[in-house]
Protein backbone atom coordinates (compact mmCIF):
# COMPACT_ATOMS: atom_id res chain seq x y z
CA MET A 1 0.03 -0.15 0.05
CA LYS A 2 1.10 3.73 -0.53
CA PHE A 3 1.70 5.58 2.36
CA LEU A 4 -0.86 8.14 1.15
CA ASP A 5 -3.38 5.34 1.44
CA ILE A 6 -2.42 4.33 4.89
CA LEU A 7 -2.49 7.75 5.59
CA LEU A 8 -5.98 8.43 4.55
CA GLU A 9 -7.09 5.15 6.24
CA SER A 10 -5.50 6.40 9.84
CA LEU A 11 -7.50 9.64 9.38
CA GLN A 12 -10.59 8.12 8.46
CA SER A 13 -10.28 5.56 11.41
CA LEU A 14 -9.62 8.34 14.14
CA SER A 15 -12.51 10.70 12.67
CA ALA A 16 -14.97 7.77 12.81
CA ASN A 17 -14.32 7.91 16.81
CA LYS A 18 -13.87 11.19 17.55
CA VAL A 19 -14.97 11.60 20.93
CA ARG A 20 -12.63 8.62 21.62
CA SER A 21 -9.80 10.56 20.10
CA ALA A 22 -10.38 13.70 21.92
CA LEU A 23 -10.26 12.10 25.31
CA THR A 24 -7.10 10.13 24.29
CA ILE A 25 -5.26 13.06 23.04
CA LEU A 26 -6.51 15.34 26.48
CA GLY A 27 -3.35 14.02 28.52
CA ILE A 28 -0.93 14.88 25.69
CA VAL A 29 -2.57 18.27 25.57
CA ILE A 30 -2.30 18.96 29.11
CA GLY A 31 1.30 17.80 29.21
CA VAL A 32 2.72 19.81 26.44
CA ALA A 33 0.72 22.91 27.74
CA ALA A 34 2.18 22.28 30.99
CA VAL A 35 5.88 22.07 29.81
CA ILE A 36 5.52 24.98 27.29
CA ALA A 37 3.77 27.38 30.04
CA MET A 38 6.80 25.90 32.64
CA LEU A 39 9.69 26.56 30.21
CA GLY A 40 8.16 30.20 29.03
CA ILE A 41 7.79 31.18 32.86
CA GLY A 42 11.20 29.86 33.81
CA ASN A 43 13.24 31.52 30.35
CA GLY A 44 11.09 34.62 31.18
CA THR A 45 12.16 34.62 34.70
CA LYS A 46 15.91 33.84 33.53
CA GLN A 47 15.98 36.94 31.46
CA GLN A 48 14.14 39.26 33.99
CA ILE A 49 17.05 38.55 36.59
CA THR A 50 19.46 38.69 34.17
CA LYS A 51 18.29 42.01 32.94
CA GLN A 52 18.38 43.56 36.25
CA ILE A 53 21.58 42.11 37.28
CA GLU A 54 23.12 43.26 34.28
CA SER A 55 21.77 46.63 34.91
CA LEU A 56 23.90 47.09 37.77
CA GLY A 57 26.96 47.46 35.32
CA THR A 58 29.47 44.77 34.36
CA ASN A 59 32.27 46.35 36.31
CA LEU A 60 30.83 46.56 39.57
CA LEU A 61 31.69 44.55 42.67
CA PHE A 62 30.02 43.73 46.01
CA VAL A 63 32.26 43.60 49.03
CA ASN A 64 30.36 42.46 52.16
CA SER A 65 32.08 41.17 55.88
CA GLY A 66 31.68 37.30 56.21
CA GLY A 67 33.73 35.20 54.56
CA ASP A 68 35.68 32.03 55.72
CA ALA A 69 36.66 33.79 59.24
CA GLN A 70 34.68 32.54 62.53
CA ASP A 71 35.23 36.26 63.84
CA PRO A 72 34.92 38.27 60.88
CA GLU A 73 35.77 42.45 61.33
CA PRO A 74 33.34 44.89 59.95
CA LEU A 75 33.88 46.47 57.17
CA THR A 76 34.68 50.40 57.64
CA LEU A 77 35.20 53.94 56.02
CA ARG A 78 38.74 53.46 56.38
CA ASP A 79 38.42 50.33 54.26
CA ALA A 80 36.87 52.10 51.56
CA GLU A 81 39.35 54.89 51.79
CA ALA A 82 42.11 52.43 51.30
CA ILE A 83 40.65 50.81 48.52
CA GLN A 84 39.83 54.20 46.70
CA ASP A 85 43.71 54.78 47.03
CA ARG A 86 44.88 54.50 43.45
CA SER A 87 48.56 53.88 44.13
CA LYS A 88 47.07 50.71 45.93
CA ALA A 89 44.46 49.86 43.67
CA PRO A 90 44.86 51.61 40.42
CA SER A 91 42.09 49.29 38.60
CA VAL A 92 39.56 50.80 40.90
CA SER A 93 37.61 53.85 39.63
CA ASN A 94 35.16 54.39 42.51
CA VAL A 95 34.18 53.08 45.99
CA ALA A 96 30.69 53.71 47.23
CA PRO A 97 30.37 52.65 50.98
CA ILE A 98 26.75 52.37 52.43
CA LEU A 99 24.98 51.40 55.61
CA GLN A 100 21.62 49.94 55.60
CA THR A 101 18.77 49.02 57.93
CA GLN A 102 15.19 48.86 58.54
CA VAL A 103 13.44 52.25 59.76
CA THR A 104 9.98 53.49 60.19
CA VAL A 105 9.44 57.00 58.40
CA ALA A 106 6.54 58.96 59.54
CA ILE A 107 4.49 62.31 58.85
CA ALA A 108 1.25 63.53 60.79
CA GLY A 109 -1.22 60.63 60.78
CA GLU A 110 0.64 58.59 58.27
CA SER A 111 3.70 56.23 58.80
CA MET A 112 5.45 53.06 57.17
CA ILE A 113 8.37 50.86 57.49
CA THR A 114 10.95 51.10 54.76
CA SER A 115 14.60 50.21 53.77
CA LEU A 116 17.31 53.14 54.86
CA ILE A 117 20.62 53.23 53.03
CA GLY A 118 23.40 55.70 54.27
CA VAL A 119 25.10 56.79 51.36
CA THR A 120 27.84 59.33 49.78
CA PRO A 121 27.92 61.07 46.36
CA ALA A 122 29.63 58.20 45.06
CA TYR A 123 26.29 55.93 45.54
CA PHE A 124 24.78 57.78 43.08
CA GLU A 125 27.37 57.27 40.35
CA VAL A 126 28.31 53.66 40.73
CA GLN A 127 24.46 52.64 40.95
CA ASP A 128 23.38 55.10 38.13
CA ILE A 129 20.43 56.13 39.95
CA ASP A 130 18.03 59.14 38.59
CA ILE A 131 16.73 61.86 40.59
CA ALA A 132 12.93 62.63 39.73
CA GLU A 133 13.38 65.96 41.22
CA GLY A 134 15.22 67.90 43.78
CA SER A 135 18.97 67.16 44.73
CA THR A 136 21.40 63.92 45.45
CA ILE A 137 23.01 63.76 48.56
CA LEU A 138 26.27 66.07 48.34
CA ALA A 139 29.54 65.94 50.02
CA ARG A 140 28.66 68.90 52.17
CA HIS A 141 25.52 66.66 53.31
CA VAL A 142 27.99 63.90 54.44
CA THR A 143 30.76 66.20 56.14
CA ASN A 144 28.28 68.34 58.10
CA TYR A 145 25.94 65.40 59.23
CA GLU A 146 23.03 67.01 57.69
CA THR A 147 19.46 65.39 58.25
CA VAL A 148 18.46 65.58 54.91
CA VAL A 149 16.68 62.52 52.86
CA ILE A 150 15.59 61.43 49.39
CA LEU A 151 12.37 59.34 49.30
CA GLY A 152 11.81 56.70 46.74
CA SER A 153 8.58 57.26 44.97
CA GLU A 154 6.74 54.70 46.63
CA VAL A 155 7.36 56.15 50.06
CA ALA A 156 6.74 59.51 48.87
CA GLU A 157 3.03 58.45 47.47
CA GLU A 158 2.48 56.32 50.65
CA LEU A 159 3.20 59.18 52.61
CA PHE A 160 2.45 62.85 50.82
CA ASN A 161 -0.01 61.15 48.03
CA ARG A 162 2.25 62.81 45.63
CA THR A 163 5.75 62.54 44.12
CA THR A 164 6.28 66.13 43.08
CA ASP A 165 6.84 69.73 44.98
CA LEU A 166 8.20 67.82 48.13
CA ALA A 167 11.44 69.53 48.79
CA GLY A 168 11.32 71.01 52.28
CA GLU A 169 8.79 68.63 53.60
CA LYS A 170 9.48 67.11 57.12
CA VAL A 171 9.57 63.23 57.80
CA ARG A 172 10.53 61.59 61.04
CA ILE A 173 12.79 58.74 60.52
CA ASN A 174 12.89 56.65 63.84
CA GLY A 175 11.75 59.72 65.81
CA GLN A 176 14.71 61.86 64.19
CA VAL A 177 13.20 64.93 61.97
CA PHE A 178 14.69 64.70 58.31
CA THR A 179 14.22 67.42 55.66
CA VAL A 180 13.16 65.95 52.00
CA ILE A 181 15.62 67.16 49.28
CA GLY A 182 14.53 65.14 46.53
CA VAL A 183 12.46 62.03 44.92
CA LEU A 184 14.24 59.22 43.07
CA GLU A 185 12.78 58.24 39.74
CA SER A 186 10.55 55.23 39.71
CA ALA A 187 12.32 51.96 39.29
CA GLY A 188 9.91 49.45 40.03
CA GLY A 189 10.28 45.83 41.60
CA THR A 190 13.31 43.64 40.63
CA SER A 191 14.29 40.49 42.07
CA PHE A 192 15.99 42.26 44.64
CA GLY A 193 12.73 43.80 45.94
CA SER A 194 11.24 47.35 45.42
CA GLN A 195 13.72 49.87 44.31
CA ASP A 196 10.94 52.62 45.33
CA ASN A 197 10.17 51.54 48.66
CA ARG A 198 13.47 53.26 50.19
CA VAL A 199 15.09 56.12 51.48
CA LEU A 200 18.53 57.40 51.25
CA VAL A 201 20.21 59.90 53.67
CA PRO A 202 23.81 60.96 54.17
CA LEU A 203 26.03 58.10 55.51
CA SER A 204 27.19 60.18 58.15
CA SER A 205 23.88 60.83 59.79
CA ALA A 206 22.93 57.26 59.70
CA GLN A 207 25.90 56.00 61.33
CA ILE A 208 25.15 59.00 64.17
CA ARG A 209 21.78 58.96 64.26
CA LEU A 210 19.93 55.92 62.82
CA VAL A 211 22.06 52.68 63.02
CA SER A 212 23.58 51.13 66.08
CA ARG A 213 27.43 49.84 65.14
CA SER A 214 30.07 48.10 67.04
CA VAL A 215 32.54 50.02 65.43
CA PRO A 216 32.28 53.90 64.71
CA ASP A 217 32.64 54.02 61.20
CA GLU A 218 31.40 50.68 60.49
CA VAL A 219 29.45 50.18 57.03
CA SER A 220 27.16 47.33 55.62
CA MET A 221 28.85 46.82 52.41
CA LEU A 222 31.34 48.14 49.97
CA TYR A 223 30.18 48.91 46.02
CA VAL A 224 33.36 49.14 44.07
CA GLN A 225 33.46 50.01 40.53
CA ALA A 226 36.21 48.84 38.34
CA LYS A 227 37.57 51.07 35.52
CA ASP A 228 36.08 48.72 32.74
CA SER A 229 34.99 45.14 32.71
CA GLU A 230 38.12 43.95 31.46
CA SER A 231 39.47 45.29 35.04
CA VAL A 232 37.31 43.32 36.88
CA GLU A 233 39.26 40.08 37.88
CA THR A 234 42.21 42.54 38.61
CA ALA A 235 40.29 44.92 40.68
CA MET A 236 39.04 42.13 42.80
CA GLU A 237 42.56 40.98 43.48
CA GLU A 238 43.92 44.38 44.66
CA VAL A 239 40.58 44.91 47.01
CA ALA A 240 41.26 41.56 48.41
CA ARG A 241 44.99 42.14 48.59
CA ILE A 242 44.18 45.31 50.77
CA LEU A 243 41.45 44.11 52.88
CA ARG A 244 43.71 40.92 53.85
CA ALA A 245 46.68 43.47 54.75
CA ARG A 246 44.01 45.90 56.90
CA HIS A 247 42.14 43.08 58.74
CA ARG A 248 45.40 41.07 59.16
CA ARG A 249 44.10 37.92 57.51
CA ASN A 250 46.19 35.30 55.33
CA LEU A 251 44.94 33.71 52.31
CA GLY A 252 42.20 31.23 52.79
CA THR A 253 41.23 32.87 56.16
CA ASP A 254 39.63 36.13 54.64
CA ASP A 255 36.68 37.89 56.90
CA PHE A 256 35.19 39.32 53.89
CA GLU A 257 33.57 38.46 50.59
CA ILE A 258 33.88 39.95 46.97
CA ARG A 259 31.31 39.30 44.28
CA SER A 260 30.82 40.55 40.54
CA THR A 261 28.12 40.87 38.72
CA GLN A 262 29.22 38.20 36.75
CA SER A 263 29.28 35.80 39.52
CA PHE A 264 25.63 37.23 40.23
CA LEU A 265 24.63 36.22 36.96
CA GLU A 266 26.28 32.69 36.81
CA THR A 267 24.47 31.80 39.75
CA ALA A 268 21.38 33.31 39.05
CA SER A 269 21.53 31.21 35.68
CA THR A 270 22.35 27.93 37.60
CA ILE A 271 19.39 28.29 40.07
CA THR A 272 16.86 29.36 37.25
CA GLY A 273 17.98 26.53 35.03
CA ILE A 274 17.91 23.98 37.74
CA MET A 275 13.97 25.59 38.60
CA THR A 276 13.09 25.50 35.10
CA ALA A 277 14.16 22.07 34.27
CA PHE A 278 12.56 20.82 37.80
CA LEU A 279 9.20 22.13 36.48
CA GLY A 280 9.56 21.06 33.20
CA GLY A 281 10.42 17.71 34.30
CA ILE A 282 7.18 17.47 36.59
CA ALA A 283 5.22 18.81 33.65
CA GLY A 284 6.63 16.03 31.49
CA VAL A 285 5.37 13.45 33.61
CA SER A 286 1.87 14.19 32.62
CA LEU A 287 3.02 13.65 28.90
CA LEU A 288 4.12 10.11 29.90
CA VAL A 289 0.61 9.65 31.51
CA GLY A 290 -0.76 10.90 28.32
CA GLY A 291 1.38 8.30 26.25
CA ILE A 292 0.20 5.40 28.47
CA GLY A 293 -3.44 6.63 27.55
CA ILE A 294 -2.73 6.32 24.18
CA MET A 295 -1.38 2.83 24.29
CA ASN A 296 -4.39 1.69 26.35
CA ILE A 297 -6.57 3.21 23.32
CA MET A 298 -4.69 1.65 20.66
CA LEU A 299 -5.07 -1.78 22.24
CA VAL A 300 -8.77 -1.61 22.74
CA THR A 301 -8.67 -0.60 19.01
CA VAL A 302 -6.37 -3.35 17.86
CA VAL A 303 -8.97 -5.97 19.82
CA GLU A 304 -12.13 -4.00 18.23
CA ARG A 305 -10.55 -4.20 14.95
CA THR A 306 -9.03 -7.77 14.89
CA ARG A 307 -11.56 -8.74 12.17
CA GLU A 308 -10.66 -6.06 9.84
CA ILE A 309 -7.15 -6.74 10.29
CA GLY A 310 -7.82 -10.29 9.21
CA LEU A 311 -9.88 -9.36 5.98
CA ARG A 312 -6.86 -6.72 5.18
CA LYS A 313 -4.30 -9.43 5.55
CA ALA A 314 -6.58 -11.92 3.52
CA VAL A 315 -6.77 -9.66 0.50
CA GLY A 316 -2.96 -8.84 0.88
CA ALA A 317 -2.07 -6.58 3.20
CA ARG A 318 1.48 -7.03 4.66
CA ARG A 319 2.63 -6.84 8.21
CA LEU A 320 4.63 -3.54 7.63
CA ASP A 321 1.34 -1.88 6.04
CA ILE A 322 -0.55 -2.78 9.58
CA LEU A 323 2.30 -1.72 11.50
CA ILE A 324 2.55 1.52 9.63
CA GLN A 325 -0.88 2.12 9.81
CA PHE A 326 -1.43 1.84 13.64
CA LEU A 327 1.87 3.33 14.32
CA LEU A 328 0.68 6.25 12.20
CA GLU A 329 -2.65 6.57 14.21
CA SER A 330 -0.94 6.83 17.51
CA LEU A 331 1.59 9.39 15.97
CA LEU A 332 -1.29 11.47 14.49
CA LEU A 333 -2.91 11.47 18.24
CA SER A 334 0.32 12.72 20.08
CA LEU A 335 0.91 15.03 17.27
CA SER A 336 -2.37 16.75 17.40
CA GLY A 337 -2.40 16.71 20.82
CA GLY A 338 1.19 18.35 20.78
CA VAL A 339 0.37 21.09 18.54
CA ILE A 340 -2.78 21.97 20.62
CA GLY A 341 -0.67 21.63 23.87
CA ILE A 342 1.47 24.45 22.51
CA LEU A 343 -1.45 26.64 21.70
CA PHE A 344 -2.60 26.18 25.27
CA GLY A 345 0.80 26.36 26.74
CA TYR A 346 1.14 29.66 25.14
CA ALA A 347 -2.13 30.84 26.25
CA ILE A 348 -1.45 29.51 29.89
CA SER A 349 1.90 31.26 30.24
CA PHE A 350 0.29 34.66 29.37
CA LEU A 351 -2.41 34.51 31.94
CA ILE A 352 0.04 33.66 34.48
CA ASP A 353 1.93 36.65 33.55
CA ARG A 354 -1.22 38.76 33.76
CA LEU A 355 -2.55 37.35 37.10
CA ALA A 356 1.24 38.04 38.40
CA THR A 357 1.52 41.53 36.71
CA MET A 358 -1.99 42.70 38.64
CA SER A 359 0.03 41.46 41.78
CA GLY A 360 2.94 43.65 41.10
CA ILE A 361 5.42 41.02 39.53
CA SER A 362 6.88 41.14 36.06
CA ILE A 363 7.48 37.54 34.75
CA ASN A 364 7.44 38.21 30.87
CA PRO A 365 7.37 34.67 29.59
CA VAL A 366 9.41 33.65 26.98
CA ILE A 367 8.73 31.08 24.66
CA THR A 368 11.61 30.05 22.51
CA LEU A 369 11.67 27.86 19.31
CA ASP A 370 13.62 25.44 21.25
CA SER A 371 11.06 24.83 23.58
CA ILE A 372 8.36 24.42 21.07
CA LEU A 373 10.65 22.11 19.06
CA MET A 374 11.51 20.18 22.40
CA ALA A 375 7.72 19.84 23.09
CA THR A 376 6.68 18.69 19.50
CA LEU A 377 9.54 16.19 19.35
CA PHE A 378 8.93 14.54 22.84
CA SER A 379 5.21 14.30 22.01
CA LEU A 380 6.37 12.52 18.72
CA ALA A 381 8.69 10.24 20.53
CA VAL A 382 5.66 9.50 22.96
CA GLY A 383 3.34 8.57 20.16
CA ILE A 384 5.97 6.36 18.85
CA PHE A 385 7.41 4.57 21.70
CA PHE A 386 3.76 3.94 23.03
CA GLY A 387 2.24 2.97 19.78
CA LEU A 388 4.75 0.70 18.78
CA TYR A 389 3.61 -2.18 20.97
CA PRO A 390 -0.26 -1.80 20.08
CA ALA A 391 0.92 -1.71 16.22
CA ASN A 392 3.19 -4.57 16.46
CA ARG A 393 0.50 -6.85 18.34
CA ALA A 394 -1.80 -5.91 15.21
CA ALA A 395 0.69 -6.66 12.69
CA LYS A 396 1.61 -10.23 14.22
CA LEU A 397 -2.32 -11.22 14.14
CA GLU A 398 -2.46 -14.30 11.82
CA PRO A 399 -5.38 -13.76 9.28
CA VAL A 400 -7.01 -17.19 10.00
CA GLU A 401 -7.34 -16.21 13.88
CA ALA A 402 -8.08 -13.03 13.29
CA LEU A 403 -10.79 -13.81 10.76
CA ARG A 404 -12.61 -16.30 13.46
CA SER A 405 -12.54 -13.26 16.07
CA GLU A 406 -16.11 -11.93 16.72
């Protein structure tokens, strides 16, 4: 028999039992839809995190206290000044120490808990922060311990119901009166939290008035900016050498950690990759269940059509013809389920994105050609694997025995 004739017979056989065919492919539809949706959400999350980390700059280092030591010394302003020394760290272009804590910000009748960051003017350069209105924190604000504050747009909206014309307004931060000098440009939410729910004050004012410390000039973290992306590794070595000398630490007993944006990218890529594979694997189980459903129905079909198989063999149909027809029916079921599943998966992933957006979370699912090809090939593989046994069973039926069947 010609392949086209076998294909037409397979289509006629499936269309003769429309309800059964539809129920059979349901498992494949659910499985493929779940795989496509999970991969789309996983890829979208990975892309979002990568974009956020890259926005920090490819030449930025993050220095924290900790490391391998049991009793780490805190980072201090003097550490920052030593790293800023070009003779000791020629690959470093800028250093921004920060002091971070949670505070209560209040005005008459309104209050909220938010993140406070004590900063120097260098912070605005290394973080590339934009001011919607007003002034940034200047060197004189830090030198004179001035009680001035820049509000995040979310904080401004929560307290004043507006984000404009706030210069000169007074707020209380943990009971201390601060004067508003500016409002940050809205940056939205990221995987690192909301960038709008924070306030910035001079580092010196945070140290003296708002944060309890074990060391007078202690800071939470140092942002270190290398001259360019090619200088990152050299800058890391220079910073490590300076801090080891200042903290009197030998190699292998560091009481600090230095990470680059590249290391954050690698970590994020690994985590999101594992998450995507795990979710895709769970969704893939439903594909296998769908495949078992196809095999069960095809076995029932072989039993129901035993007499038909005997008649066809009696008039000259070969084993191969019977095998191909039943295998083709299995493939058509799995492939049609895969195509419908891809469309449903696309719709589900974007529905989840809309629901997440309503909750203030951006996912932006990314459904790649690789994901579609993988889902299609996997559904075809399921059709072949689970259709082969019923097809082979049908092909092996002896004509005489098949014709005796009622």
